[in-house]
Amino acid sequence: MTDESFGVATTKLKQTGSLTANWIYALNLTAYICWNLSCILGAVCGKWIADPGTWGLDFALPAMFLGLLFLQLEHVPASKWMLYAILSICVIIATVGLSLLFPAYVAVIVASLGVVLDK
């Protein structure tokens, strides 16, 4: 399971209340096939794209995660919006502050631990 298929599955679960095994298999198979076809396409055609930033391809992954985030936020109860806003601000401050002291990957992991407050 990938981040993308997890995001789609949890959104579907919140919308319908249940998931079938066949639906999950189809979702993951589709993601697997698309991933591999994209890798092959990138390997074959990537040499013709000198600077992916000029095509906006450097923003494709963050845009996909933002889309998944918006799908998740659609089902957030009103009572949790303030908590999520405070957590987001704390994570941003912690990530930026810790990245001055540690490598960025350590800062992101430590800053993300604040998510446990939601449980």
PDB file of N, CA and C in Angstrom:
ATOM      1  N   MET A   1       0.845  -1.164   0.000  1.00  0.00           N
ATOM      2  CA  MET A   1       0.000   0.000   0.000  1.00  0.00           C
ATOM      3  C   MET A   1       0.898   1.237   0.000  1.00  0.00           C
ATOM      4  N   THR A   2       0.530   2.202  -0.791  1.00  0.00           N
ATOM      5  CA  THR A   2       1.291   3.446  -0.893  1.00  0.00           C
ATOM      6  C   THR A   2       0.542   4.565  -0.175  1.00  0.00           C
ATOM      7  N   ASP A   3       1.195   5.706  -0.044  1.00  0.00           N
ATOM      8  CA  ASP A   3       0.542   6.873   0.555  1.00  0.00           C
ATOM      9  C   ASP A   3      -0.730   7.225  -0.213  1.00  0.00           C
ATOM     10  N   GLU A   4      -0.631   7.164  -1.527  1.00  0.00           N
ATOM     11  CA  GLU A   4      -1.753   7.555  -2.365  1.00  0.00           C
ATOM     12  C   GLU A   4      -2.927   6.600  -2.191  1.00  0.00           C
ATOM     13  N   SER A   5      -2.664   5.294  -2.250  1.00  0.00           N
ATOM     14  CA  SER A   5      -3.767   4.340  -2.122  1.00  0.00           C
ATOM     15  C   SER A   5      -4.354   4.362  -0.709  1.00  0.00           C
ATOM     16  N   PHE A   6      -3.523   4.617   0.298  1.00  0.00           N
ATOM     17  CA  PHE A   6      -4.035   4.759   1.662  1.00  0.00           C
ATOM     18  C   PHE A   6      -4.967   5.959   1.761  1.00  0.00           C
ATOM     19  N   GLY A   7      -4.557   7.087   1.173  1.00  0.00           N
ATOM     20  CA  GLY A   7      -5.394   8.286   1.194  1.00  0.00           C
ATOM     21  C   GLY A   7      -6.725   8.073   0.492  1.00  0.00           C
ATOM     22  N   VAL A   8      -6.691   7.419  -0.656  1.00  0.00           N
ATOM     23  CA  VAL A   8      -7.924   7.153  -1.400  1.00  0.00           C
ATOM     24  C   VAL A   8      -8.808   6.180  -0.614  1.00  0.00           C
ATOM     25  N   ALA A   9      -8.201   5.141  -0.032  1.00  0.00           N
ATOM     26  CA  ALA A   9      -8.980   4.148   0.715  1.00  0.00           C
ATOM     27  C   ALA A   9      -9.618   4.741   1.971  1.00  0.00           C
ATOM     28  N   THR A  10      -8.888   5.570   2.704  1.00  0.00           N
ATOM     29  CA  THR A  10      -9.479   6.152   3.913  1.00  0.00           C
ATOM     30  C   THR A  10     -10.588   7.146   3.563  1.00  0.00           C
ATOM     31  N   THR A  11     -10.435   7.860   2.467  1.00  0.00           N
ATOM     32  CA  THR A  11     -11.495   8.762   2.021  1.00  0.00           C
ATOM     33  C   THR A  11     -12.742   7.960   1.649  1.00  0.00           C
ATOM     34  N   LYS A  12     -12.557   6.891   0.909  1.00  0.00           N
ATOM     35  CA  LYS A  12     -13.684   6.032   0.517  1.00  0.00           C
ATOM     36  C   LYS A  12     -14.343   5.417   1.757  1.00  0.00           C
ATOM     37  N   LEU A  13     -13.542   5.005   2.726  1.00  0.00           N
ATOM     38  CA  LEU A  13     -14.081   4.422   3.954  1.00  0.00           C
ATOM     39  C   LEU A  13     -14.925   5.435   4.718  1.00  0.00           C
ATOM     40  N   LYS A  14     -14.460   6.674   4.779  1.00  0.00           N
ATOM     41  CA  LYS A  14     -15.227   7.705   5.471  1.00  0.00           C
ATOM     42  C   LYS A  14     -16.507   8.050   4.724  1.00  0.00           C
ATOM     43  N   GLN A  15     -16.494   7.937   3.402  1.00  0.00           N
ATOM     44  CA  GLN A  15     -17.681   8.263   2.614  1.00  0.00           C
ATOM     45  C   GLN A  15     -18.724   7.157   2.662  1.00  0.00           C
ATOM     46  N   THR A  16     -18.286   5.913   2.595  1.00  0.00           N
ATOM     47  CA  THR A  16     -19.229   4.798   2.476  1.00  0.00           C
ATOM     48  C   THR A  16     -19.370   3.979   3.750  1.00  0.00           C
ATOM     49  N   GLY A  17     -18.382   4.024   4.620  1.00  0.00           N
ATOM     50  CA  GLY A  17     -18.449   3.251   5.859  1.00  0.00           C
ATOM     51  C   GLY A  17     -17.880   1.850   5.761  1.00  0.00           C
ATOM     52  N   SER A  18     -17.542   1.389   4.552  1.00  0.00           N
ATOM     53  CA  SER A  18     -16.955   0.050   4.422  1.00  0.00           C
ATOM     54  C   SER A  18     -16.165  -0.047   3.123  1.00  0.00           C
ATOM     55  N   LEU A  19     -15.248  -0.995   3.115  1.00  0.00           N
ATOM     56  CA  LEU A  19     -14.454  -1.287   1.923  1.00  0.00           C
ATOM     57  C   LEU A  19     -14.481  -2.794   1.709  1.00  0.00           C
ATOM     58  N   THR A  20     -14.503  -3.198   0.467  1.00  0.00           N
ATOM     59  CA  THR A  20     -14.434  -4.624   0.175  1.00  0.00           C
ATOM     60  C   THR A  20     -13.005  -4.982  -0.220  1.00  0.00           C
ATOM     61  N   ALA A  21     -12.680  -6.244  -0.054  1.00  0.00           N
ATOM     62  CA  ALA A  21     -11.342  -6.715  -0.420  1.00  0.00           C
ATOM     63  C   ALA A  21     -11.092  -6.497  -1.912  1.00  0.00           C
ATOM     64  N   ASN A  22     -12.091  -6.758  -2.732  1.00  0.00           N
ATOM     65  CA  ASN A  22     -11.921  -6.569  -4.181  1.00  0.00           C
ATOM     66  C   ASN A  22     -11.651  -5.114  -4.522  1.00  0.00           C
ATOM     67  N   TRP A  23     -12.298  -4.174  -3.815  1.00  0.00           N
ATOM     68  CA  TRP A  23     -12.068  -2.759  -4.069  1.00  0.00           C
ATOM     69  C   TRP A  23     -10.633  -2.385  -3.721  1.00  0.00           C
ATOM     70  N   ILE A  24     -10.143  -2.878  -2.584  1.00  0.00           N
ATOM     71  CA  ILE A  24      -8.757  -2.608  -2.170  1.00  0.00           C
ATOM     72  C   ILE A  24      -7.775  -3.224  -3.167  1.00  0.00           C
ATOM     73  N   TYR A  25      -8.032  -4.456  -3.593  1.00  0.00           N
ATOM     74  CA  TYR A  25      -7.149  -5.095  -4.572  1.00  0.00           C
ATOM     75  C   TYR A  25      -7.104  -4.294  -5.868  1.00  0.00           C
ATOM     76  N   ALA A  26      -8.261  -3.852  -6.341  1.00  0.00           N
ATOM     77  CA  ALA A  26      -8.315  -3.068  -7.585  1.00  0.00           C
ATOM     78  C   ALA A  26      -7.577  -1.745  -7.425  1.00  0.00           C
ATOM     79  N   LEU A  27      -7.752  -1.094  -6.278  1.00  0.00           N
ATOM     80  CA  LEU A  27      -7.057   0.166  -6.016  1.00  0.00           C
ATOM     81  C   LEU A  27      -5.539  -0.031  -6.045  1.00  0.00           C
ATOM     82  N   ASN A  28      -5.058  -1.038  -5.322  1.00  0.00           N
ATOM     83  CA  ASN A  28      -3.612  -1.263  -5.257  1.00  0.00           C
ATOM     84  C   ASN A  28      -3.048  -1.754  -6.586  1.00  0.00           C
ATOM     85  N   LEU A  29      -3.802  -2.576  -7.308  1.00  0.00           N
ATOM     86  CA  LEU A  29      -3.343  -3.033  -8.621  1.00  0.00           C
ATOM     87  C   LEU A  29      -3.252  -1.855  -9.595  1.00  0.00           C
ATOM     88  N   THR A  30      -4.248  -0.979  -9.563  1.00  0.00           N
ATOM     89  CA  THR A  30      -4.221   0.212 -10.418  1.00  0.00           C
ATOM     90  C   THR A  30      -3.027   1.088 -10.087  1.00  0.00           C
ATOM     91  N   ALA A  31      -2.790   1.309  -8.785  1.00  0.00           N
ATOM     92  CA  ALA A  31      -1.644   2.124  -8.370  1.00  0.00           C
ATOM     93  C   ALA A  31      -0.330   1.480  -8.810  1.00  0.00           C
ATOM     94  N   TYR A  32      -0.224   0.161  -8.668  1.00  0.00           N
ATOM     95  CA  TYR A  32       0.995  -0.559  -9.045  1.00  0.00           C
ATOM     96  C   TYR A  32       1.249  -0.449 -10.551  1.00  0.00           C
ATOM     97  N   ILE A  33       0.213  -0.658 -11.343  1.00  0.00           N
ATOM     98  CA  ILE A  33       0.369  -0.589 -12.801  1.00  0.00           C
ATOM     99  C   ILE A  33       0.742   0.825 -13.233  1.00  0.00           C
ATOM    100  N   CYS A  34       0.046   1.817 -12.689  1.00  0.00           N
ATOM    101  CA  CYS A  34       0.354   3.212 -13.048  1.00  0.00           C
ATOM    102  C   CYS A  34       1.767   3.592 -12.638  1.00  0.00           C
ATOM    103  N   TRP A  35       2.188   3.146 -11.452  1.00  0.00           N
ATOM    104  CA  TRP A  35       3.537   3.448 -10.980  1.00  0.00           C
ATOM    105  C   TRP A  35       4.574   2.878 -11.944  1.00  0.00           C
ATOM    106  N   ASN A  36       4.412   1.621 -12.325  1.00  0.00           N
ATOM    107  CA  ASN A  36       5.386   0.985 -13.205  1.00  0.00           C
ATOM    108  C   ASN A  36       5.370   1.581 -14.604  1.00  0.00           C
ATOM    109  N   LEU A  37       4.189   1.868 -15.134  1.00  0.00           N
ATOM    110  CA  LEU A  37       4.128   2.496 -16.452  1.00  0.00           C
ATOM    111  C   LEU A  37       4.761   3.885 -16.420  1.00  0.00           C
ATOM    112  N   SER A  38       4.556   4.605 -15.340  1.00  0.00           N
ATOM    113  CA  SER A  38       5.174   5.933 -15.202  1.00  0.00           C
ATOM    114  C   SER A  38       6.686   5.832 -15.113  1.00  0.00           C
ATOM    115  N   CYS A  39       7.177   4.823 -14.417  1.00  0.00           N
ATOM    116  CA  CYS A  39       8.634   4.628 -14.331  1.00  0.00           C
ATOM    117  C   CYS A  39       9.224   4.299 -15.703  1.00  0.00           C
ATOM    118  N   ILE A  40       8.548   3.448 -16.437  1.00  0.00           N
ATOM    119  CA  ILE A  40       9.027   3.099 -17.784  1.00  0.00           C
ATOM    120  C   ILE A  40       8.993   4.332 -18.688  1.00  0.00           C
ATOM    121  N   LEU A  41       7.886   5.073 -18.636  1.00  0.00           N
ATOM    122  CA  LEU A  41       7.769   6.290 -19.440  1.00  0.00           C
ATOM    123  C   LEU A  41       8.856   7.298 -19.063  1.00  0.00           C
ATOM    124  N   GLY A  42       9.109   7.451 -17.772  1.00  0.00           N
ATOM    125  CA  GLY A  42      10.152   8.364 -17.317  1.00  0.00           C
ATOM    126  C   GLY A  42      11.535   7.929 -17.763  1.00  0.00           C
ATOM    127  N   ALA A  43      11.795   6.616 -17.728  1.00  0.00           N
ATOM    128  CA  ALA A  43      13.100   6.107 -18.161  1.00  0.00           C
ATOM    129  C   ALA A  43      13.311   6.305 -19.657  1.00  0.00           C
ATOM    130  N   VAL A  44      12.246   6.135 -20.427  1.00  0.00           N
ATOM    131  CA  VAL A  44      12.355   6.260 -21.883  1.00  0.00           C
ATOM    132  C   VAL A  44      12.363   7.722 -22.322  1.00  0.00           C
ATOM    133  N   CYS A  45      11.466   8.522 -21.756  1.00  0.00           N
ATOM    134  CA  CYS A  45      11.280   9.899 -22.222  1.00  0.00           C
ATOM    135  C   CYS A  45      11.980  10.949 -21.364  1.00  0.00           C
ATOM    136  N   GLY A  46      12.477  10.559 -20.221  1.00  0.00           N
ATOM    137  CA  GLY A  46      13.066  11.524 -19.302  1.00  0.00           C
ATOM    138  C   GLY A  46      14.268  12.259 -19.855  1.00  0.00           C
ATOM    139  N   LYS A  47      14.975  11.640 -20.764  1.00  0.00           N
ATOM    140  CA  LYS A  47      16.172  12.284 -21.320  1.00  0.00           C
ATOM    141  C   LYS A  47      15.829  13.511 -22.171  1.00  0.00           C
ATOM    142  N   TRP A  48      14.562  13.619 -22.590  1.00  0.00           N
ATOM    143  CA  TRP A  48      14.157  14.755 -23.413  1.00  0.00           C
ATOM    144  C   TRP A  48      13.650  15.937 -22.581  1.00  0.00           C
ATOM    145  N   ILE A  49      13.575  15.753 -21.290  1.00  0.00           N
ATOM    146  CA  ILE A  49      13.135  16.839 -20.407  1.00  0.00           C
ATOM    147  C   ILE A  49      14.360  17.318 -19.632  1.00  0.00           C
ATOM    148  N   ALA A  50      14.958  18.383 -20.112  1.00  0.00           N
ATOM    149  CA  ALA A  50      16.193  18.876 -19.503  1.00  0.00           C
ATOM    150  C   ALA A  50      15.946  19.445 -18.108  1.00  0.00           C
ATOM    151  N   ASP A  51      14.885  20.220 -17.955  1.00  0.00           N
ATOM    152  CA  ASP A  51      14.582  20.847 -16.671  1.00  0.00           C
ATOM    153  C   ASP A  51      13.108  20.599 -16.326  1.00  0.00           C
ATOM    154  N   PRO A  52      12.812  19.606 -15.473  1.00  0.00           N
ATOM    155  CA  PRO A  52      11.417  19.292 -15.144  1.00  0.00           C
ATOM    156  C   PRO A  52      10.675  20.470 -14.501  1.00  0.00           C
ATOM    157  N   GLY A  53      11.409  21.384 -13.867  1.00  0.00           N
ATOM    158  CA  GLY A  53      10.790  22.542 -13.225  1.00  0.00           C
ATOM    159  C   GLY A  53      10.084  23.453 -14.209  1.00  0.00           C
ATOM    160  N   THR A  54      10.561  23.518 -15.446  1.00  0.00           N
ATOM    161  CA  THR A  54       9.921  24.387 -16.435  1.00  0.00           C
ATOM    162  C   THR A  54       8.547  23.856 -16.847  1.00  0.00           C
ATOM    163  N   TRP A  55       8.319  22.567 -16.648  1.00  0.00           N
ATOM    164  CA  TRP A  55       7.030  21.950 -16.973  1.00  0.00           C
ATOM    165  C   TRP A  55       6.121  21.873 -15.749  1.00  0.00           C
ATOM    166  N   GLY A  56       6.637  22.277 -14.604  1.00  0.00           N
ATOM    167  CA  GLY A  56       5.856  22.177 -13.375  1.00  0.00           C
ATOM    168  C   GLY A  56       5.863  20.792 -12.767  1.00  0.00           C
ATOM    169  N   LEU A  57       6.722  19.916 -13.264  1.00  0.00           N
ATOM    170  CA  LEU A  57       6.759  18.549 -12.762  1.00  0.00           C
ATOM    171  C   LEU A  57       7.338  18.459 -11.349  1.00  0.00           C
ATOM    172  N   ASP A  58       8.080  19.479 -10.942  1.00  0.00           N
ATOM    173  CA  ASP A  58       8.640  19.473  -9.592  1.00  0.00           C
ATOM    174  C   ASP A  58       7.550  19.703  -8.547  1.00  0.00           C
ATOM    175  N   PHE A  59       6.377  20.155  -8.981  1.00  0.00           N
ATOM    176  CA  PHE A  59       5.280  20.398  -8.065  1.00  0.00           C
ATOM    177  C   PHE A  59       4.243  19.271  -8.088  1.00  0.00           C
ATOM    178  N   ALA A  60       4.427  18.272  -8.928  1.00  0.00           N
ATOM    179  CA  ALA A  60       3.431  17.205  -9.073  1.00  0.00           C
ATOM    180  C   ALA A  60       3.233  16.429  -7.772  1.00  0.00           C
ATOM    181  N   LEU A  61       4.293  16.040  -7.118  1.00  0.00           N
ATOM    182  CA  LEU A  61       4.160  15.257  -5.891  1.00  0.00           C
ATOM    183  C   LEU A  61       3.547  16.065  -4.754  1.00  0.00           C
ATOM    184  N   PRO A  62       4.030  17.287  -4.475  1.00  0.00           N
ATOM    185  CA  PRO A  62       3.346  18.075  -3.437  1.00  0.00           C
ATOM    186  C   PRO A  62       1.878  18.351  -3.779  1.00  0.00           C
ATOM    187  N   ALA A  63       1.554  18.552  -5.043  1.00  0.00           N
ATOM    188  CA  ALA A  63       0.165  18.805  -5.433  1.00  0.00           C
ATOM    189  C   ALA A  63      -0.697  17.577  -5.169  1.00  0.00           C
ATOM    190  N   MET A  64      -0.163  16.385  -5.432  1.00  0.00           N
ATOM    191  CA  MET A  64      -0.907  15.163  -5.172  1.00  0.00           C
ATOM    192  C   MET A  64      -1.185  15.009  -3.681  1.00  0.00           C
ATOM    193  N   PHE A  65      -0.189  15.284  -2.834  1.00  0.00           N
ATOM    194  CA  PHE A  65      -0.388  15.170  -1.394  1.00  0.00           C
ATOM    195  C   PHE A  65      -1.370  16.233  -0.881  1.00  0.00           C
ATOM    196  N   LEU A  66      -1.340  17.428  -1.454  1.00  0.00           N
ATOM    197  CA  LEU A  66      -2.321  18.444  -1.075  1.00  0.00           C
ATOM    198  C   LEU A  66      -3.733  18.003  -1.443  1.00  0.00           C
ATOM    199  N   GLY A  67      -3.875  17.382  -2.594  1.00  0.00           N
ATOM    200  CA  GLY A  67      -5.181  16.856  -2.994  1.00  0.00           C
ATOM    201  C   GLY A  67      -5.685  15.803  -2.021  1.00  0.00           C
ATOM    202  N   LEU A  68      -4.808  14.893  -1.618  1.00  0.00           N
ATOM    203  CA  LEU A  68      -5.194  13.874  -0.640  1.00  0.00           C
ATOM    204  C   LEU A  68      -5.540  14.505   0.710  1.00  0.00           C
ATOM    205  N   LEU A  69      -4.799  15.538   1.096  1.00  0.00           N
ATOM    206  CA  LEU A  69      -5.077  16.226   2.358  1.00  0.00           C
ATOM    207  C   LEU A  69      -6.462  16.868   2.325  1.00  0.00           C
ATOM    208  N   PHE A  70      -6.789  17.541   1.228  1.00  0.00           N
ATOM    209  CA  PHE A  70      -8.095  18.192   1.134  1.00  0.00           C
ATOM    210  C   PHE A  70      -9.230  17.173   1.189  1.00  0.00           C
ATOM    211  N   LEU A  71      -9.025  15.992   0.582  1.00  0.00           N
ATOM    212  CA  LEU A  71     -10.045  14.944   0.667  1.00  0.00           C
ATOM    213  C   LEU A  71     -10.243  14.489   2.111  1.00  0.00           C
ATOM    214  N   GLN A  72      -9.145  14.427   2.871  1.00  0.00           N
ATOM    215  CA  GLN A  72      -9.234  14.014   4.271  1.00  0.00           C
ATOM    216  C   GLN A  72      -9.899  15.085   5.132  1.00  0.00           C
ATOM    217  N   LEU A  73      -9.610  16.347   4.864  1.00  0.00           N
ATOM    218  CA  LEU A  73     -10.153  17.436   5.670  1.00  0.00           C
ATOM    219  C   LEU A  73     -11.655  17.596   5.490  1.00  0.00           C
ATOM    220  N   GLU A  74     -12.181  17.064   4.422  1.00  0.00           N
ATOM    221  CA  GLU A  74     -13.611  17.152   4.163  1.00  0.00           C
ATOM    222  C   GLU A  74     -14.429  16.476   5.268  1.00  0.00           C
ATOM    223  N   HIS A  75     -13.827  15.502   5.931  1.00  0.00           N
ATOM    224  CA  HIS A  75     -14.545  14.710   6.930  1.00  0.00           C
ATOM    225  C   HIS A  75     -14.123  15.026   8.363  1.00  0.00           C
ATOM    226  N   VAL A  76     -13.418  16.112   8.565  1.00  0.00           N
ATOM    227  CA  VAL A  76     -12.973  16.484   9.915  1.00  0.00           C
ATOM    228  C   VAL A  76     -14.125  17.150  10.659  1.00  0.00           C
ATOM    229  N   PRO A  77     -14.432  16.663  11.855  1.00  0.00           N
ATOM    230  CA  PRO A  77     -15.484  17.315  12.636  1.00  0.00           C
ATOM    231  C   PRO A  77     -15.080  18.739  13.013  1.00  0.00           C
ATOM    232  N   ALA A  78     -16.064  19.607  13.124  1.00  0.00           N
ATOM    233  CA  ALA A  78     -15.798  21.012  13.439  1.00  0.00           C
ATOM    234  C   ALA A  78     -15.055  21.172  14.754  1.00  0.00           C
ATOM    235  N   SER A  79     -15.276  20.252  15.679  1.00  0.00           N
ATOM    236  CA  SER A  79     -14.633  20.346  16.992  1.00  0.00           C
ATOM    237  C   SER A  79     -13.121  20.140  16.929  1.00  0.00           C
ATOM    238  N   LYS A  80     -12.611  19.562  15.852  1.00  0.00           N
ATOM    239  CA  LYS A  80     -11.171  19.282  15.750  1.00  0.00           C
ATOM    240  C   LYS A  80     -10.408  20.305  14.918  1.00  0.00           C
ATOM    241  N   TRP A  81     -11.074  21.257  14.284  1.00  0.00           N
ATOM    242  CA  TRP A  81     -10.389  22.219  13.426  1.00  0.00           C
ATOM    243  C   TRP A  81      -9.357  23.040  14.193  1.00  0.00           C
ATOM    244  N   MET A  82      -9.703  23.499  15.387  1.00  0.00           N
ATOM    245  CA  MET A  82      -8.769  24.311  16.169  1.00  0.00           C
ATOM    246  C   MET A  82      -7.550  23.479  16.569  1.00  0.00           C
ATOM    247  N   LEU A  83      -7.765  22.237  16.997  1.00  0.00           N
ATOM    248  CA  LEU A  83      -6.651  21.357  17.352  1.00  0.00           C
ATOM    249  C   LEU A  83      -5.736  21.145  16.150  1.00  0.00           C
ATOM    250  N   TYR A  84      -6.316  20.899  14.991  1.00  0.00           N
ATOM    251  CA  TYR A  84      -5.513  20.676  13.789  1.00  0.00           C
ATOM    252  C   TYR A  84      -4.737  21.926  13.395  1.00  0.00           C
ATOM    253  N   ALA A  85      -5.338  23.082  13.552  1.00  0.00           N
ATOM    254  CA  ALA A  85      -4.651  24.334  13.232  1.00  0.00           C
ATOM    255  C   ALA A  85      -3.461  24.539  14.169  1.00  0.00           C
ATOM    256  N   ILE A  86      -3.671  24.317  15.465  1.00  0.00           N
ATOM    257  CA  ILE A  86      -2.580  24.469  16.445  1.00  0.00           C
ATOM    258  C   ILE A  86      -1.481  23.453  16.174  1.00  0.00           C
ATOM    259  N   LEU A  87      -1.863  22.195  15.907  1.00  0.00           N
ATOM    260  CA  LEU A  87      -0.861  21.173  15.599  1.00  0.00           C
ATOM    261  C   LEU A  87      -0.063  21.526  14.352  1.00  0.00           C
ATOM    262  N   SER A  88      -0.739  22.027  13.339  1.00  0.00           N
ATOM    263  CA  SER A  88      -0.047  22.393  12.095  1.00  0.00           C
ATOM    264  C   SER A  88       0.976  23.490  12.339  1.00  0.00           C
ATOM    265  N   ILE A  89       0.591  24.503  13.089  1.00  0.00           N
ATOM    266  CA  ILE A  89       1.514  25.600  13.399  1.00  0.00           C
ATOM    267  C   ILE A  89       2.698  25.090  14.215  1.00  0.00           C
ATOM    268  N   CYS A  90       2.429  24.246  15.204  1.00  0.00           N
ATOM    269  CA  CYS A  90       3.515  23.692  16.032  1.00  0.00           C
ATOM    270  C   CYS A  90       4.465  22.828  15.208  1.00  0.00           C
ATOM    271  N   VAL A  91       3.914  22.018  14.299  1.00  0.00           N
ATOM    272  CA  VAL A  91       4.758  21.162  13.461  1.00  0.00           C
ATOM    273  C   VAL A  91       5.627  22.009  12.538  1.00  0.00           C
ATOM    274  N   ILE A  92       5.061  23.062  11.964  1.00  0.00           N
ATOM    275  CA  ILE A  92       5.841  23.944  11.086  1.00  0.00           C
ATOM    276  C   ILE A  92       6.965  24.616  11.870  1.00  0.00           C
ATOM    277  N   ILE A  93       6.648  25.153  13.040  1.00  0.00           N
ATOM    278  CA  ILE A  93       7.673  25.811  13.863  1.00  0.00           C
ATOM    279  C   ILE A  93       8.744  24.812  14.291  1.00  0.00           C
ATOM    280  N   ALA A  94       8.310  23.628  14.733  1.00  0.00           N
ATOM    281  CA  ALA A  94       9.278  22.613  15.174  1.00  0.00           C
ATOM    282  C   ALA A  94      10.154  22.147  14.013  1.00  0.00           C
ATOM    283  N   THR A  95       9.561  21.962  12.841  1.00  0.00           N
ATOM    284  CA  THR A  95      10.339  21.506  11.692  1.00  0.00           C
ATOM    285  C   THR A  95      11.398  22.535  11.301  1.00  0.00           C
ATOM    286  N   VAL A  96      10.990  23.783  11.207  1.00  0.00           N
ATOM    287  CA  VAL A  96      11.938  24.837  10.835  1.00  0.00           C
ATOM    288  C   VAL A  96      13.004  24.992  11.915  1.00  0.00           C
ATOM    289  N   GLY A  97      12.592  25.033  13.176  1.00  0.00           N
ATOM    290  CA  GLY A  97      13.550  25.198  14.268  1.00  0.00           C
ATOM    291  C   GLY A  97      14.521  24.038  14.385  1.00  0.00           C
ATOM    292  N   LEU A  98      13.997  22.814  14.311  1.00  0.00           N
ATOM    293  CA  LEU A  98      14.859  21.642  14.436  1.00  0.00           C
ATOM    294  C   LEU A  98      15.768  21.456  13.231  1.00  0.00           C
ATOM    295  N   SER A  99      15.320  21.928  12.053  1.00  0.00           N
ATOM    296  CA  SER A  99      16.166  21.779  10.861  1.00  0.00           C
ATOM    297  C   SER A  99      17.418  22.644  10.942  1.00  0.00           C
ATOM    298  N   LEU A 100      17.416  23.633  11.843  1.00  0.00           N
ATOM    299  CA  LEU A 100      18.621  24.437  12.045  1.00  0.00           C
ATOM    300  C   LEU A 100      19.659  23.672  12.871  1.00  0.00           C
ATOM    301  N   LEU A 101      19.191  22.696  13.657  1.00  0.00           N
ATOM    302  CA  LEU A 101      20.081  21.933  14.533  1.00  0.00           C
ATOM    303  C   LEU A 101      20.418  20.542  14.015  1.00  0.00           C
ATOM    304  N   PHE A 102      19.473  19.935  13.272  1.00  0.00           N
ATOM    305  CA  PHE A 102      19.625  18.553  12.813  1.00  0.00           C
ATOM    306  C   PHE A 102      19.368  18.489  11.310  1.00  0.00           C
ATOM    307  N   PRO A 103      19.723  17.351  10.694  1.00  0.00           N
ATOM    308  CA  PRO A 103      19.364  17.175   9.278  1.00  0.00           C
ATOM    309  C   PRO A 103      17.842  17.249   9.112  1.00  0.00           C
ATOM    310  N   ALA A 104      17.385  17.645   7.941  1.00  0.00           N
ATOM    311  CA  ALA A 104      15.962  17.885   7.707  1.00  0.00           C
ATOM    312  C   ALA A 104      15.111  16.658   7.989  1.00  0.00           C
ATOM    313  N   TYR A 105      15.573  15.453   7.634  1.00  0.00           N
ATOM    314  CA  TYR A 105      14.748  14.268   7.850  1.00  0.00           C
ATOM    315  C   TYR A 105      14.512  14.009   9.331  1.00  0.00           C
ATOM    316  N   VAL A 106      15.480  14.303  10.187  1.00  0.00           N
ATOM    317  CA  VAL A 106      15.304  14.141  11.631  1.00  0.00           C
ATOM    318  C   VAL A 106      14.307  15.176  12.142  1.00  0.00           C
ATOM    319  N   ALA A 107      14.414  16.392  11.662  1.00  0.00           N
ATOM    320  CA  ALA A 107      13.508  17.460  12.084  1.00  0.00           C
ATOM    321  C   ALA A 107      12.064  17.128  11.726  1.00  0.00           C
ATOM    322  N   VAL A 108      11.829  16.590  10.538  1.00  0.00           N
ATOM    323  CA  VAL A 108      10.473  16.251  10.110  1.00  0.00           C
ATOM    324  C   VAL A 108       9.905  15.126  10.970  1.00  0.00           C
ATOM    325  N   ILE A 109      10.710  14.122  11.257  1.00  0.00           N
ATOM    326  CA  ILE A 109      10.243  12.997  12.080  1.00  0.00           C
ATOM    327  C   ILE A 109       9.892  13.476  13.482  1.00  0.00           C
ATOM    328  N   VAL A 110      10.749  14.238  14.097  1.00  0.00           N
ATOM    329  CA  VAL A 110      10.510  14.711  15.458  1.00  0.00           C
ATOM    330  C   VAL A 110       9.296  15.650  15.494  1.00  0.00           C
ATOM    331  N   ALA A 111       9.207  16.555  14.536  1.00  0.00           N
ATOM    332  CA  ALA A 111       8.102  17.504  14.513  1.00  0.00           C
ATOM    333  C   ALA A 111       6.767  16.799  14.279  1.00  0.00           C
ATOM    334  N   SER A 112       6.777  15.713  13.532  1.00  0.00           N
ATOM    335  CA  SER A 112       5.547  14.985  13.232  1.00  0.00           C
ATOM    336  C   SER A 112       5.013  14.189  14.417  1.00  0.00           C
ATOM    337  N   LEU A 113       5.798  14.036  15.441  1.00  0.00           N
ATOM    338  CA  LEU A 113       5.337  13.294  16.612  1.00  0.00           C
ATOM    339  C   LEU A 113       4.159  13.993  17.303  1.00  0.00           C
ATOM    340  N   GLY A 114       3.946  15.251  17.023  1.00  0.00           N
ATOM    341  CA  GLY A 114       2.821  15.966  17.596  1.00  0.00           C
ATOM    342  C   GLY A 114       1.468  15.429  17.168  1.00  0.00           C
ATOM    343  N   VAL A 115       1.452  14.641  16.122  1.00  0.00           N
ATOM    344  CA  VAL A 115       0.205  14.080  15.624  1.00  0.00           C
ATOM    345  C   VAL A 115      -0.437  13.147  16.661  1.00  0.00           C
ATOM    346  N   VAL A 116       0.354  12.583  17.558  1.00  0.00           N
ATOM    347  CA  VAL A 116      -0.205  11.678  18.555  1.00  0.00           C
ATOM    348  C   VAL A 116      -1.157  12.403  19.495  1.00  0.00           C
ATOM    349  N   LEU A 117      -1.111  13.717  19.546  1.00  0.00           N
ATOM    350  CA  LEU A 117      -2.033  14.484  20.390  1.00  0.00           C
ATOM    351  C   LEU A 117      -3.472  14.339  19.907  1.00  0.00           C
ATOM    352  N   ASP A 118      -3.644  13.943  18.668  1.00  0.00           N
ATOM    353  CA  ASP A 118      -4.988  13.798  18.105  1.00  0.00           C
ATOM    354  C   ASP A 118      -5.671  12.533  18.607  1.00  0.00           C
ATOM    355  N   LYS A 119      -4.942  11.607  19.132  1.00  0.00           N
ATOM    356  CA  LYS A 119      -5.517  10.319  19.540  1.00  0.00           C
ATOM    357  C   LYS A 119      -6.229  10.373  20.856  1.00  0.00           C
TER     358      LYS A 119
END
